């Protein structure tokens, strides 16, 4: 196989030249040579070649001594021993030291090539196995990271979906976006259906000057492009593709925006940016932020529906309360009207002469009814007081009738004792 590295260790210059120039070089092998055992060992340990062609008899270190040293250093590349006829006993010792094959001098080209191919085949298979194992390990790590990310996204999604308070929900979504992408800043923009502008509803990392009252036009802003197209936008100053000016006084080095969609309707956009760190956002960051945006869009819609439902419930509760109180106000007024008519008739018929008993009873009755009306109005005043907002927003209506009856009974007992 071309470009594999072969180290020739032989003190014979002719053999080194023959192997390098006639056999190995023309076939694409990268060849290094050594003239003795000691220098050959040093080259082998330093360069870690794919194959060694090793002579037996050399100065400074013999071939067997080189093999022993390689074994001590856990050298794993194959070695082919080059021997002369009659040195088969040495070859046996060499095999015990891990030699893959041997060729006898003088050798033929085909013989050497066959030995090299046999030796390198095992080495190639081992390298391929190691490569596949590394690839498998990397794939498993990537898969484990993705499983962890999906688990975190699922947990965050459940946490977001459980929040019905819109303000808390928006802040939690932005916090999750910054956490998942390791960004400097994060923001959530919603579409103002009246003006068509985008307004910042929640932010993290923004300065107060940038965040307060931030509104962006859809047609001339980067995040507006995302809302109009319904597709994510990922860019950085390194790409040089677009000007990363979010606002006149707010520049960033990299940004990532994804749309917030409910069915086919874009209701806003979720964005993160690196204002300080010179770090770009990746495809994985886009995947995580898009998944979070899907959770967030549904949760925002649910929170809006919940708030609308609460307003309807509150209005119905208030309506029922007013009807109940009106009943208790109208009754005393009717009684007062009848009392006044009775008194007027008594005067007309002359039944009030000689005593004020009828007038006294009428006055006492009038005082009681006025106090009853005052009590009902007091309850009505409590309902609209800022300190009693639980009356209006509660799904379960307070028992206004019970409270009115309680106060009226107290008033009537008071006047019965005066009668």
Foldseek 3Di string as FASTA:
>chain_A
DAAAEEEEEALDPVVLCCCCPPAAVVVHYHYDYHNFLVVSLVCCVVVVGQEYEAEADGPPDGRLRSLVVCVVVVRDHAYEYEEAPPVVVVVVSSVVSPHPYYDYPPDDNVVVVVSVCSRNVVVVVVVVVVVVVVVVVVVVVVVVVVVVLVVVLVVLLVVLLVDLALLVSQQSLQVVLCVLFVFQKKWWWFADPVPRKTATRYMDNDDCVCRPGDIGHLVPAPQSVCQVVQAKDWDFVVVVPDAQDRDPPAGFGIKIKHFQDDVNHTGTIIMGTHRDDNDGTDPVSNVSSNSSSPSSSVSNVSSVVVVVVLQVLLVVLVVVLVVLLVVQLVVLVVVLVVLVVVVVVCVVVVVCPPHCPSVVVSVLSNVLSVVLNVVSVVVVVLPPDPVNVCCRRPNDHDPSVVVSVVVSVVSVVVSVVVD
